[in-house]
């Protein structure tokens, strides 16, 4: 299996098994306060790098939320026809705080099931936006989903997850300090995969076969 094929398969697997199972707010840096109309989108998986807005495919709304699938290191054991790869997943999402249109508030209602009905803040003329640092919960949920999906699988597109090596994960840091790119939130997961190298025929012998 070639490296090119491996990357294509990994990206597709992440798209199909992780990104389809969760949604996050669509970033709007120009309008992220009370005027922001909450819109949710599914993350997109990208190989190696996250493209800028001007290089996105037409079907992708924004570079974030996303999972960047990075090939970090490989080792081919030619005697065993074994290829082992180190893969890092870079997760990202956006959340500047609590917006109207996403949080339902309880109100006593004796005619409703359970004695309460629920309303959105903007429907009652109440506070419509609270800036906070709670967006970290989104990236941790994203990490939990991805970890659970990987840990419940034995193979990814025919490649064995090397569970004996463990799966590592964490928050991005720089000089020992956690990244602060508020309102963007980032996390990473690393794992190893076994992919058979297969039998290769040297070019000098191809004409003789």
N, C-alpha and C. Protein backbone atom coordinates (compact mmCIF):
# COMPACT_ATOMS: atom_id res chain seq x y z
N UNK A 1 0.85 -1.18 0.00
CA UNK A 1 0.00 0.00 0.00
C UNK A 1 0.89 1.25 0.00
N UNK A 2 0.72 2.12 -0.96
CA UNK A 2 1.55 3.32 -1.08
C UNK A 2 1.16 4.36 -0.02
N UNK A 3 2.08 5.28 0.26
CA UNK A 3 1.79 6.36 1.20
C UNK A 3 0.64 7.23 0.71
N UNK A 4 0.61 7.43 -0.59
CA UNK A 4 -0.47 8.22 -1.20
C UNK A 4 -1.82 7.57 -0.91
N UNK A 5 -1.90 6.28 -1.12
CA UNK A 5 -3.15 5.54 -0.88
C UNK A 5 -3.52 5.55 0.60
N UNK A 6 -2.51 5.40 1.45
CA UNK A 6 -2.76 5.38 2.90
C UNK A 6 -3.37 6.69 3.36
N UNK A 7 -2.83 7.81 2.91
CA UNK A 7 -3.36 9.11 3.32
C UNK A 7 -4.79 9.28 2.83
N UNK A 8 -5.06 8.91 1.60
CA UNK A 8 -6.42 9.02 1.07
C UNK A 8 -7.41 8.20 1.89
N UNK A 9 -7.01 7.00 2.25
CA UNK A 9 -7.89 6.11 3.01
C UNK A 9 -8.12 6.63 4.43
N UNK A 10 -7.07 7.14 5.04
CA UNK A 10 -7.20 7.66 6.40
C UNK A 10 -8.15 8.85 6.44
N UNK A 11 -7.98 9.77 5.51
CA UNK A 11 -8.84 10.95 5.47
C UNK A 11 -10.29 10.55 5.27
N UNK A 12 -10.53 9.62 4.37
CA UNK A 12 -11.91 9.17 4.12
C UNK A 12 -12.49 8.49 5.36
N UNK A 13 -11.69 7.69 6.05
CA UNK A 13 -12.18 6.98 7.24
C UNK A 13 -12.55 7.97 8.34
N UNK A 14 -11.71 8.99 8.54
CA UNK A 14 -12.01 10.01 9.54
C UNK A 14 -13.28 10.77 9.15
N UNK A 15 -13.40 11.11 7.89
CA UNK A 15 -14.62 11.79 7.42
C UNK A 15 -15.86 10.95 7.69
N UNK A 16 -15.79 9.66 7.34
CA UNK A 16 -16.96 8.78 7.44
C UNK A 16 -17.31 8.39 8.86
N UNK A 17 -16.31 8.22 9.71
CA UNK A 17 -16.55 7.64 11.03
C UNK A 17 -16.48 8.62 12.19
N UNK A 18 -15.88 9.77 11.98
CA UNK A 18 -15.78 10.77 13.05
C UNK A 18 -16.55 12.04 12.68
N UNK A 19 -16.19 12.64 11.55
CA UNK A 19 -16.76 13.94 11.19
C UNK A 19 -18.27 13.91 11.00
N UNK A 20 -18.81 12.79 10.57
CA UNK A 20 -20.25 12.69 10.35
C UNK A 20 -21.04 12.59 11.65
N UNK A 21 -20.36 12.39 12.76
CA UNK A 21 -21.02 12.14 14.03
C UNK A 21 -21.10 13.36 14.94
N UNK A 22 -20.63 14.53 14.48
CA UNK A 22 -20.61 15.69 15.36
C UNK A 22 -20.71 16.97 14.54
N UNK A 23 -21.21 18.03 15.15
CA UNK A 23 -21.27 19.34 14.50
C UNK A 23 -20.73 20.40 15.45
N UNK A 24 -20.22 21.49 14.86
CA UNK A 24 -19.71 22.62 15.62
C UNK A 24 -20.16 23.91 14.95
N UNK A 25 -19.99 25.01 15.67
CA UNK A 25 -20.35 26.31 15.11
C UNK A 25 -19.47 26.64 13.91
N UNK A 26 -20.10 27.23 12.89
CA UNK A 26 -19.36 27.71 11.73
C UNK A 26 -18.70 29.03 12.10
N UNK A 27 -17.38 29.16 11.99
CA UNK A 27 -16.70 30.38 12.41
C UNK A 27 -17.13 31.62 11.62
N UNK A 28 -17.22 32.72 12.34
CA UNK A 28 -17.46 34.02 11.72
C UNK A 28 -16.71 35.05 12.58
N UNK A 29 -15.47 35.34 12.20
CA UNK A 29 -14.65 36.24 13.00
C UNK A 29 -15.13 37.69 12.93
N UNK A 30 -15.81 38.03 11.84
CA UNK A 30 -16.30 39.40 11.69
C UNK A 30 -17.53 39.65 12.56
N UNK A 31 -18.34 38.60 12.76
CA UNK A 31 -19.55 38.72 13.57
C UNK A 31 -19.63 37.51 14.48
N UNK A 32 -19.15 37.67 15.71
CA UNK A 32 -19.19 36.54 16.63
C UNK A 32 -19.86 36.88 17.95
N UNK A 33 -20.53 38.03 17.99
CA UNK A 33 -21.19 38.45 19.23
C UNK A 33 -22.69 38.15 19.14
N UNK A 34 -23.52 39.03 19.68
CA UNK A 34 -24.96 38.79 19.70
C UNK A 34 -25.57 38.80 18.30
N UNK A 35 -24.86 39.39 17.34
CA UNK A 35 -25.38 39.45 15.97
C UNK A 35 -25.14 38.16 15.19
N UNK A 36 -24.32 37.28 15.75
CA UNK A 36 -24.00 36.02 15.07
C UNK A 36 -25.21 35.10 15.08
N UNK A 37 -25.60 34.67 13.92
CA UNK A 37 -26.70 33.71 13.79
C UNK A 37 -26.09 32.30 13.79
N UNK A 38 -26.37 31.56 14.84
CA UNK A 38 -25.70 30.27 15.03
C UNK A 38 -25.96 29.33 13.86
N UNK A 39 -24.89 28.83 13.30
CA UNK A 39 -24.98 27.85 12.23
C UNK A 39 -23.99 26.73 12.53
N UNK A 40 -24.48 25.49 12.47
CA UNK A 40 -23.63 24.34 12.76
C UNK A 40 -23.23 23.62 11.48
N UNK A 41 -21.99 23.15 11.45
CA UNK A 41 -21.49 22.39 10.31
C UNK A 41 -20.70 21.19 10.82
N UNK A 42 -20.56 20.20 9.98
CA UNK A 42 -19.74 19.04 10.32
C UNK A 42 -18.28 19.36 10.03
N UNK A 43 -17.37 18.83 10.84
CA UNK A 43 -15.94 19.04 10.54
C UNK A 43 -15.58 18.36 9.22
N UNK A 44 -14.45 18.77 8.68
CA UNK A 44 -13.92 18.18 7.46
C UNK A 44 -12.51 17.67 7.72
N UNK A 45 -12.20 16.49 7.19
CA UNK A 45 -10.85 15.94 7.32
C UNK A 45 -10.00 16.37 6.13
N UNK A 46 -8.76 16.77 6.42
CA UNK A 46 -7.82 17.20 5.37
C UNK A 46 -6.52 16.43 5.53
N UNK A 47 -5.82 16.14 4.42
CA UNK A 47 -4.51 15.48 4.51
C UNK A 47 -3.38 16.49 4.69
N UNK A 48 -2.52 16.25 5.67
CA UNK A 48 -1.27 16.97 5.90
C UNK A 48 -1.42 18.41 6.37
N UNK A 49 -2.20 19.22 5.66
CA UNK A 49 -2.36 20.62 6.01
C UNK A 49 -3.82 21.02 5.92
N UNK A 50 -4.18 22.06 6.69
CA UNK A 50 -5.53 22.64 6.57
C UNK A 50 -5.43 23.80 5.58
N UNK A 51 -6.16 23.75 4.48
CA UNK A 51 -6.06 24.80 3.47
C UNK A 51 -6.66 26.12 3.95
N UNK A 52 -6.20 27.23 3.38
CA UNK A 52 -6.79 28.53 3.66
C UNK A 52 -8.15 28.65 3.01
N UNK A 53 -8.89 29.67 3.38
CA UNK A 53 -10.25 29.84 2.86
C UNK A 53 -10.28 29.90 1.34
N UNK A 54 -9.25 30.53 0.75
CA UNK A 54 -9.25 30.71 -0.70
C UNK A 54 -8.95 29.41 -1.45
N UNK A 55 -8.51 28.37 -0.74
CA UNK A 55 -8.15 27.11 -1.39
C UNK A 55 -9.10 25.97 -1.03
N UNK A 56 -10.20 26.30 -0.36
CA UNK A 56 -11.15 25.26 0.05
C UNK A 56 -11.95 24.74 -1.13
N UNK A 57 -12.30 23.45 -1.12
CA UNK A 57 -13.24 22.93 -2.12
C UNK A 57 -14.59 23.63 -1.95
N UNK A 58 -15.37 23.77 -3.01
CA UNK A 58 -16.66 24.46 -2.94
C UNK A 58 -17.62 23.87 -1.92
N UNK A 59 -17.50 22.57 -1.65
CA UNK A 59 -18.43 21.90 -0.74
C UNK A 59 -18.08 22.10 0.74
N UNK A 60 -16.94 22.72 1.03
CA UNK A 60 -16.49 22.90 2.42
C UNK A 60 -16.70 24.35 2.82
N UNK A 61 -17.42 24.56 3.93
CA UNK A 61 -17.80 25.92 4.34
C UNK A 61 -16.64 26.71 4.93
N UNK A 62 -15.74 26.04 5.65
CA UNK A 62 -14.65 26.75 6.33
C UNK A 62 -13.53 25.77 6.67
N UNK A 63 -12.29 26.28 6.87
CA UNK A 63 -11.17 25.40 7.24
C UNK A 63 -11.35 24.76 8.61
N UNK A 64 -12.12 25.42 9.48
CA UNK A 64 -12.39 24.93 10.83
C UNK A 64 -13.89 25.01 11.04
N UNK A 65 -14.50 23.96 11.64
CA UNK A 65 -13.94 22.81 12.34
C UNK A 65 -13.33 21.79 11.38
N UNK A 66 -12.30 21.10 11.84
CA UNK A 66 -11.62 20.16 10.95
C UNK A 66 -10.75 19.18 11.73
N UNK A 67 -10.33 18.14 10.99
CA UNK A 67 -9.31 17.20 11.47
C UNK A 67 -8.22 17.17 10.40
N UNK A 68 -7.02 17.50 10.78
CA UNK A 68 -5.89 17.43 9.86
C UNK A 68 -5.16 16.11 10.11
N UNK A 69 -5.12 15.25 9.08
CA UNK A 69 -4.48 13.94 9.19
C UNK A 69 -3.03 14.07 8.71
N UNK A 70 -2.09 13.95 9.63
CA UNK A 70 -0.68 14.16 9.31
C UNK A 70 0.13 12.87 9.43
N UNK A 71 0.91 12.61 8.39
CA UNK A 71 1.87 11.50 8.40
C UNK A 71 3.16 12.04 9.00
N UNK A 72 3.55 11.51 10.17
CA UNK A 72 4.69 12.06 10.90
C UNK A 72 5.99 11.29 10.67
N UNK A 73 5.89 9.96 10.61
CA UNK A 73 7.10 9.14 10.49
C UNK A 73 6.72 7.74 10.06
N UNK A 74 7.59 7.09 9.30
CA UNK A 74 7.34 5.72 8.87
C UNK A 74 8.56 4.85 9.03
N UNK A 75 8.33 3.54 9.12
CA UNK A 75 9.43 2.59 9.22
C UNK A 75 9.04 1.32 8.48
N UNK A 76 9.85 0.96 7.46
CA UNK A 76 9.60 -0.25 6.68
C UNK A 76 10.56 -1.35 7.12
N UNK A 77 10.03 -2.45 7.65
CA UNK A 77 10.83 -3.62 7.97
C UNK A 77 10.76 -4.54 6.76
N UNK A 78 11.79 -4.50 5.93
CA UNK A 78 11.75 -5.22 4.65
C UNK A 78 11.77 -6.73 4.82
N UNK A 79 12.39 -7.22 5.90
CA UNK A 79 12.43 -8.66 6.10
C UNK A 79 11.06 -9.21 6.47
N UNK A 80 10.23 -8.40 7.12
CA UNK A 80 8.89 -8.84 7.52
C UNK A 80 7.80 -8.32 6.58
N UNK A 81 8.22 -7.55 5.56
CA UNK A 81 7.25 -6.92 4.66
C UNK A 81 6.21 -6.14 5.46
N UNK A 82 6.72 -5.35 6.39
CA UNK A 82 5.85 -4.63 7.30
C UNK A 82 6.16 -3.14 7.25
N UNK A 83 5.11 -2.35 7.17
CA UNK A 83 5.25 -0.89 7.22
C UNK A 83 4.52 -0.38 8.45
N UNK A 84 5.20 0.40 9.28
CA UNK A 84 4.59 0.98 10.47
C UNK A 84 4.66 2.51 10.35
N UNK A 85 3.52 3.14 10.55
CA UNK A 85 3.42 4.58 10.39
C UNK A 85 2.96 5.26 11.66
N UNK A 86 3.53 6.43 11.95
CA UNK A 86 3.06 7.27 13.04
C UNK A 86 2.19 8.36 12.45
N UNK A 87 0.96 8.43 12.94
CA UNK A 87 -0.02 9.37 12.42
C UNK A 87 -0.45 10.32 13.53
N UNK A 88 -0.57 11.60 13.19
CA UNK A 88 -1.09 12.57 14.15
C UNK A 88 -2.36 13.22 13.58
N UNK A 89 -3.38 13.29 14.41
CA UNK A 89 -4.62 13.97 14.05
C UNK A 89 -4.67 15.29 14.80
N UNK A 90 -4.83 16.39 14.07
CA UNK A 90 -4.93 17.71 14.67
C UNK A 90 -6.38 18.17 14.58
N UNK A 91 -7.03 18.30 15.73
CA UNK A 91 -8.44 18.66 15.79
C UNK A 91 -8.58 20.15 16.08
N UNK A 92 -9.59 20.79 15.47
CA UNK A 92 -9.79 22.22 15.69
C UNK A 92 -11.27 22.55 15.60
N UNK A 93 -11.70 23.50 16.43
CA UNK A 93 -13.06 24.01 16.36
C UNK A 93 -13.08 25.46 16.83
N UNK A 94 -14.24 26.11 16.74
CA UNK A 94 -14.39 27.54 17.04
C UNK A 94 -15.60 27.74 17.94
N UNK A 95 -15.42 28.50 19.01
CA UNK A 95 -16.55 28.82 19.89
C UNK A 95 -16.18 29.97 20.81
N UNK A 96 -16.72 31.17 20.58
CA UNK A 96 -16.39 32.33 21.43
C UNK A 96 -17.26 32.47 22.66
N UNK A 97 -18.32 31.66 22.77
CA UNK A 97 -19.19 31.79 23.94
C UNK A 97 -20.58 31.24 23.68
N UNK A 98 -21.52 31.65 24.50
CA UNK A 98 -22.90 31.16 24.41
C UNK A 98 -23.75 32.15 23.61
N UNK A 99 -24.31 31.67 22.51
CA UNK A 99 -25.15 32.51 21.65
C UNK A 99 -26.62 32.13 21.79
N UNK A 100 -27.46 33.07 21.49
CA UNK A 100 -28.88 32.73 21.39
C UNK A 100 -29.05 31.80 20.20
N UNK A 101 -30.12 31.06 20.19
CA UNK A 101 -30.33 30.12 19.11
C UNK A 101 -29.72 28.76 19.37
N UNK A 102 -29.02 28.61 20.50
CA UNK A 102 -28.43 27.31 20.80
C UNK A 102 -28.74 26.82 22.21
N UNK A 103 -29.06 27.73 23.12
CA UNK A 103 -29.31 27.34 24.49
C UNK A 103 -30.79 27.49 24.82
N UNK A 104 -31.40 26.42 25.28
CA UNK A 104 -32.80 26.45 25.69
C UNK A 104 -32.88 26.62 27.21
N UNK A 105 -33.70 27.59 27.65
CA UNK A 105 -33.85 27.89 29.06
C UNK A 105 -35.18 27.33 29.57
N UNK A 106 -35.21 26.79 30.80
CA UNK A 106 -36.44 26.22 31.33
C UNK A 106 -37.39 27.29 31.88
N UNK A 107 -38.68 27.01 31.78
CA UNK A 107 -39.69 27.89 32.36
C UNK A 107 -40.82 27.01 32.87
N UNK A 108 -41.27 27.27 34.09
CA UNK A 108 -42.33 26.46 34.65
C UNK A 108 -43.59 26.55 33.80
N UNK A 109 -44.16 25.38 33.54
CA UNK A 109 -45.37 25.31 32.72
C UNK A 109 -46.13 24.06 33.16
N UNK A 110 -47.23 24.28 33.91
CA UNK A 110 -47.96 23.15 34.49
C UNK A 110 -48.63 22.28 33.44
N UNK A 111 -48.80 22.81 32.24
CA UNK A 111 -49.46 22.03 31.19
C UNK A 111 -48.46 21.22 30.36
N UNK A 112 -47.16 21.48 30.55
CA UNK A 112 -46.14 20.79 29.76
C UNK A 112 -45.70 19.51 30.47
N UNK A 113 -45.21 18.56 29.68
CA UNK A 113 -44.71 17.32 30.23
C UNK A 113 -43.53 17.61 31.15
N UNK A 114 -43.61 17.13 32.39
CA UNK A 114 -42.54 17.37 33.35
C UNK A 114 -42.65 18.69 34.07
N UNK A 115 -43.65 19.51 33.72
CA UNK A 115 -43.85 20.77 34.43
C UNK A 115 -43.02 21.94 33.93
N UNK A 116 -42.25 21.74 32.82
CA UNK A 116 -41.43 22.82 32.28
C UNK A 116 -41.54 22.85 30.76
N UNK A 117 -41.48 24.06 30.21
CA UNK A 117 -41.30 24.23 28.78
C UNK A 117 -39.98 24.97 28.59
N UNK A 118 -39.50 25.04 27.37
CA UNK A 118 -38.19 25.62 27.13
C UNK A 118 -38.26 26.67 26.03
N UNK A 119 -37.46 27.73 26.19
CA UNK A 119 -37.47 28.81 25.21
C UNK A 119 -36.03 29.26 24.94
N UNK A 120 -35.84 29.90 23.78
CA UNK A 120 -34.55 30.48 23.44
C UNK A 120 -34.50 31.90 23.97
N UNK A 121 -33.32 32.33 24.40
CA UNK A 121 -33.20 33.64 25.04
C UNK A 121 -33.69 34.77 24.15
N UNK A 122 -33.35 34.73 22.85
CA UNK A 122 -33.73 35.84 21.98
C UNK A 122 -35.23 35.91 21.75
N UNK A 123 -35.95 34.81 21.98
CA UNK A 123 -37.39 34.82 21.82
C UNK A 123 -38.08 35.61 22.93
N UNK A 124 -37.38 35.81 24.03
CA UNK A 124 -37.94 36.51 25.18
C UNK A 124 -37.29 37.88 25.38
N UNK A 125 -36.48 38.30 24.43
CA UNK A 125 -35.83 39.59 24.55
C UNK A 125 -34.76 39.63 25.62
N UNK A 126 -34.26 38.48 26.00
CA UNK A 126 -33.25 38.42 27.05
C UNK A 126 -31.85 38.56 26.47
N UNK A 127 -30.86 38.29 27.32
CA UNK A 127 -29.48 38.39 26.87
C UNK A 127 -29.23 37.38 25.76
N UNK A 128 -28.59 37.85 24.69
CA UNK A 128 -28.45 37.00 23.52
C UNK A 128 -27.03 36.46 23.32
N UNK A 129 -26.08 36.95 24.11
CA UNK A 129 -24.72 36.45 23.92
C UNK A 129 -23.91 36.64 25.20
N UNK A 130 -23.18 35.60 25.56
CA UNK A 130 -22.27 35.66 26.70
C UNK A 130 -20.91 35.18 26.26
N UNK A 131 -19.94 36.08 26.19
CA UNK A 131 -18.58 35.68 25.82
C UNK A 131 -17.96 34.92 26.99
N UNK A 132 -17.39 33.75 26.70
CA UNK A 132 -16.75 32.99 27.77
C UNK A 132 -15.66 32.09 27.19
N UNK A 133 -15.00 31.36 28.06
CA UNK A 133 -13.90 30.47 27.66
C UNK A 133 -14.32 29.01 27.72
N UNK A 134 -15.62 28.76 27.56
CA UNK A 134 -16.13 27.41 27.67
C UNK A 134 -15.98 26.60 26.37
N UNK A 135 -15.42 27.21 25.35
CA UNK A 135 -15.24 26.49 24.08
C UNK A 135 -14.34 25.28 24.19
N UNK A 136 -13.52 25.23 25.27
CA UNK A 136 -12.65 24.07 25.46
C UNK A 136 -13.48 22.79 25.56
N UNK A 137 -14.73 22.92 26.01
CA UNK A 137 -15.58 21.74 26.12
C UNK A 137 -15.84 21.13 24.74
N UNK A 138 -15.94 21.97 23.73
CA UNK A 138 -16.17 21.48 22.37
C UNK A 138 -15.00 20.64 21.89
N UNK A 139 -13.78 21.15 22.09
CA UNK A 139 -12.62 20.40 21.58
C UNK A 139 -12.41 19.11 22.36
N UNK A 140 -12.74 19.12 23.65
CA UNK A 140 -12.61 17.89 24.43
C UNK A 140 -13.66 16.87 23.99
N UNK A 141 -14.87 17.33 23.70
CA UNK A 141 -15.90 16.42 23.17
C UNK A 141 -15.45 15.82 21.84
N UNK A 142 -14.84 16.65 21.00
CA UNK A 142 -14.33 16.21 19.71
C UNK A 142 -13.26 15.13 19.92
N UNK A 143 -12.37 15.37 20.88
CA UNK A 143 -11.31 14.40 21.18
C UNK A 143 -11.90 13.10 21.71
N UNK A 144 -12.86 13.21 22.62
CA UNK A 144 -13.49 12.01 23.18
C UNK A 144 -14.13 11.16 22.09
N UNK A 145 -14.86 11.81 21.18
CA UNK A 145 -15.50 11.08 20.07
C UNK A 145 -14.46 10.38 19.21
N UNK A 146 -13.40 11.09 18.86
CA UNK A 146 -12.36 10.52 17.99
C UNK A 146 -11.66 9.36 18.68
N UNK A 147 -11.32 9.54 19.96
CA UNK A 147 -10.67 8.45 20.70
C UNK A 147 -11.57 7.23 20.78
N UNK A 148 -12.83 7.43 21.10
CA UNK A 148 -13.76 6.30 21.23
C UNK A 148 -13.88 5.56 19.90
N UNK A 149 -13.94 6.30 18.80
CA UNK A 149 -14.06 5.68 17.48
C UNK A 149 -12.83 4.86 17.14
N UNK A 150 -11.65 5.41 17.41
CA UNK A 150 -10.41 4.69 17.11
C UNK A 150 -10.24 3.48 18.02
N UNK A 151 -10.51 3.67 19.31
CA UNK A 151 -10.30 2.58 20.27
C UNK A 151 -11.28 1.43 20.08
N UNK A 152 -12.43 1.70 19.46
CA UNK A 152 -13.40 0.65 19.20
C UNK A 152 -13.12 -0.09 17.90
N UNK A 153 -12.16 0.39 17.14
CA UNK A 153 -11.80 -0.25 15.87
C UNK A 153 -10.53 -1.07 16.03
N UNK A 154 -10.41 -2.13 15.26
CA UNK A 154 -9.18 -2.91 15.21
C UNK A 154 -8.35 -2.53 13.99
N UNK A 155 -9.06 -2.19 12.90
CA UNK A 155 -8.40 -1.84 11.64
C UNK A 155 -8.99 -0.54 11.10
N UNK A 156 -8.16 0.21 10.43
CA UNK A 156 -8.60 1.39 9.69
C UNK A 156 -8.25 1.16 8.23
N UNK A 157 -9.26 0.95 7.42
CA UNK A 157 -9.06 0.73 5.98
C UNK A 157 -7.99 -0.34 5.71
N UNK A 158 -8.08 -1.45 6.43
CA UNK A 158 -7.16 -2.56 6.22
C UNK A 158 -5.85 -2.45 6.95
N UNK A 159 -5.64 -1.36 7.68
CA UNK A 159 -4.40 -1.16 8.43
C UNK A 159 -4.67 -1.39 9.92
N UNK A 160 -3.85 -2.21 10.54
CA UNK A 160 -4.07 -2.54 11.95
C UNK A 160 -3.64 -1.38 12.85
N UNK A 161 -4.51 -1.02 13.79
CA UNK A 161 -4.14 -0.04 14.81
C UNK A 161 -3.20 -0.72 15.80
N UNK A 162 -2.01 -0.17 16.00
CA UNK A 162 -1.02 -0.77 16.88
C UNK A 162 -1.37 -0.38 18.32
N UNK A 163 -2.33 -1.10 18.88
CA UNK A 163 -2.83 -0.73 20.20
C UNK A 163 -1.81 -0.97 21.30
N UNK A 164 -0.86 -1.89 21.05
CA UNK A 164 0.15 -2.15 22.07
C UNK A 164 1.09 -0.96 22.25
N UNK A 165 1.11 -0.06 21.28
CA UNK A 165 1.92 1.16 21.40
C UNK A 165 1.15 2.29 22.09
N UNK A 166 -0.14 2.06 22.30
CA UNK A 166 -0.96 3.07 22.95
C UNK A 166 -1.40 4.17 21.99
N UNK A 167 -2.35 4.97 22.43
CA UNK A 167 -2.81 6.13 21.68
C UNK A 167 -2.57 7.34 22.56
N UNK A 168 -1.80 8.28 22.05
CA UNK A 168 -1.47 9.47 22.83
C UNK A 168 -2.34 10.65 22.38
N UNK A 169 -2.56 11.60 23.29
CA UNK A 169 -3.39 12.75 22.94
C UNK A 169 -3.13 13.87 23.93
N UNK A 170 -3.49 15.08 23.55
CA UNK A 170 -3.27 16.20 24.44
C UNK A 170 -3.61 17.53 23.80
N UNK A 171 -3.36 18.60 24.56
CA UNK A 171 -3.57 19.95 24.09
C UNK A 171 -2.26 20.46 23.49
N UNK A 172 -2.33 21.25 22.43
CA UNK A 172 -1.13 21.82 21.85
C UNK A 172 -0.51 22.83 22.82
N UNK A 173 0.81 22.76 22.96
CA UNK A 173 1.52 23.68 23.84
C UNK A 173 2.71 24.30 23.10
N UNK A 174 3.17 25.42 23.62
CA UNK A 174 4.36 26.09 23.08
C UNK A 174 5.14 26.65 24.25
N UNK A 175 6.40 26.23 24.38
CA UNK A 175 7.24 26.63 25.52
C UNK A 175 6.57 26.29 26.85
N UNK A 176 5.89 25.14 26.87
CA UNK A 176 5.27 24.66 28.09
C UNK A 176 3.93 25.29 28.41
N UNK A 177 3.45 26.18 27.55
CA UNK A 177 2.17 26.85 27.79
C UNK A 177 1.13 26.41 26.76
N UNK A 178 -0.09 26.24 27.24
CA UNK A 178 -1.17 25.83 26.35
C UNK A 178 -1.45 26.92 25.33
N UNK A 179 -1.63 26.53 24.07
CA UNK A 179 -2.00 27.48 23.02
C UNK A 179 -3.22 28.29 23.44
N UNK A 180 -3.20 29.59 23.20
CA UNK A 180 -4.37 30.43 23.43
C UNK A 180 -4.68 31.17 22.14
N UNK A 181 -5.51 30.58 21.32
CA UNK A 181 -5.94 31.20 20.07
C UNK A 181 -7.45 31.44 20.11
N UNK A 182 -7.94 31.79 21.29
CA UNK A 182 -9.36 32.06 21.47
C UNK A 182 -9.88 32.94 20.34
N UNK A 183 -11.02 32.63 19.75
CA UNK A 183 -12.00 31.59 20.12
C UNK A 183 -11.81 30.27 19.37
N UNK A 184 -10.58 29.99 18.91
CA UNK A 184 -10.28 28.70 18.28
C UNK A 184 -9.67 27.77 19.31
N UNK A 185 -10.02 26.49 19.19
CA UNK A 185 -9.59 25.49 20.17
C UNK A 185 -8.96 24.31 19.43
N UNK A 186 -7.85 23.80 19.96
CA UNK A 186 -7.07 22.79 19.25
C UNK A 186 -6.67 21.64 20.18
N UNK A 187 -6.55 20.47 19.59
CA UNK A 187 -6.14 19.27 20.32
C UNK A 187 -5.46 18.33 19.34
N UNK A 188 -4.75 17.34 19.85
CA UNK A 188 -4.09 16.38 18.96
C UNK A 188 -4.22 14.96 19.51
N UNK A 189 -4.16 14.00 18.58
CA UNK A 189 -4.18 12.57 18.90
C UNK A 189 -3.12 11.90 18.01
N UNK A 190 -2.31 11.02 18.59
CA UNK A 190 -1.33 10.30 17.77
C UNK A 190 -1.49 8.80 17.97
N UNK A 191 -1.26 8.06 16.89
CA UNK A 191 -1.39 6.61 16.91
C UNK A 191 -0.44 6.00 15.89
N UNK A 192 -0.29 4.69 15.97
CA UNK A 192 0.54 3.98 15.00
C UNK A 192 -0.32 2.97 14.24
N UNK A 193 0.02 2.79 12.97
CA UNK A 193 -0.68 1.85 12.10
C UNK A 193 0.30 0.89 11.46
N UNK A 194 -0.12 -0.37 11.33
CA UNK A 194 0.64 -1.38 10.59
C UNK A 194 0.03 -1.52 9.20
N UNK A 195 0.85 -1.32 8.19
CA UNK A 195 0.38 -1.50 6.81
C UNK A 195 1.43 -2.32 6.07
N UNK A 196 1.03 -3.45 5.50
CA UNK A 196 1.98 -4.32 4.83
C UNK A 196 2.65 -3.63 3.66
N UNK A 197 3.97 -3.78 3.56
CA UNK A 197 4.72 -3.21 2.44
C UNK A 197 4.46 -3.98 1.17
N UNK A 198 4.30 -5.30 1.32
CA UNK A 198 4.08 -6.14 0.14
C UNK A 198 5.39 -6.46 -0.55
N UNK A 199 5.31 -7.22 -1.62
CA UNK A 199 6.51 -7.61 -2.38
C UNK A 199 6.77 -6.60 -3.47
N UNK A 200 7.96 -6.03 -3.48
CA UNK A 200 8.31 -5.04 -4.48
C UNK A 200 9.35 -5.62 -5.44
N UNK A 201 9.16 -5.34 -6.70
CA UNK A 201 10.10 -5.82 -7.71
C UNK A 201 11.03 -4.69 -8.11
N UNK A 202 12.34 -4.84 -7.90
CA UNK A 202 13.29 -3.79 -8.29
C UNK A 202 13.17 -3.48 -9.78
N UNK A 203 13.35 -2.20 -10.13
CA UNK A 203 13.22 -1.77 -11.52
C UNK A 203 14.13 -2.54 -12.46
N UNK A 204 15.34 -2.94 -12.01
CA UNK A 204 16.30 -3.59 -12.90
C UNK A 204 15.83 -4.97 -13.32
N UNK A 205 14.83 -5.55 -12.56
CA UNK A 205 14.35 -6.89 -12.91
C UNK A 205 13.01 -6.88 -13.65
N UNK A 206 12.36 -5.73 -13.74
CA UNK A 206 11.01 -5.70 -14.30
C UNK A 206 10.97 -6.18 -15.76
N UNK A 207 11.99 -5.83 -16.53
CA UNK A 207 11.99 -6.23 -17.94
C UNK A 207 12.21 -7.72 -18.13
N UNK A 208 12.65 -8.41 -17.09
CA UNK A 208 12.93 -9.84 -17.20
C UNK A 208 11.74 -10.68 -16.81
N UNK A 209 10.69 -10.04 -16.29
CA UNK A 209 9.50 -10.80 -15.84
C UNK A 209 8.47 -10.90 -16.92
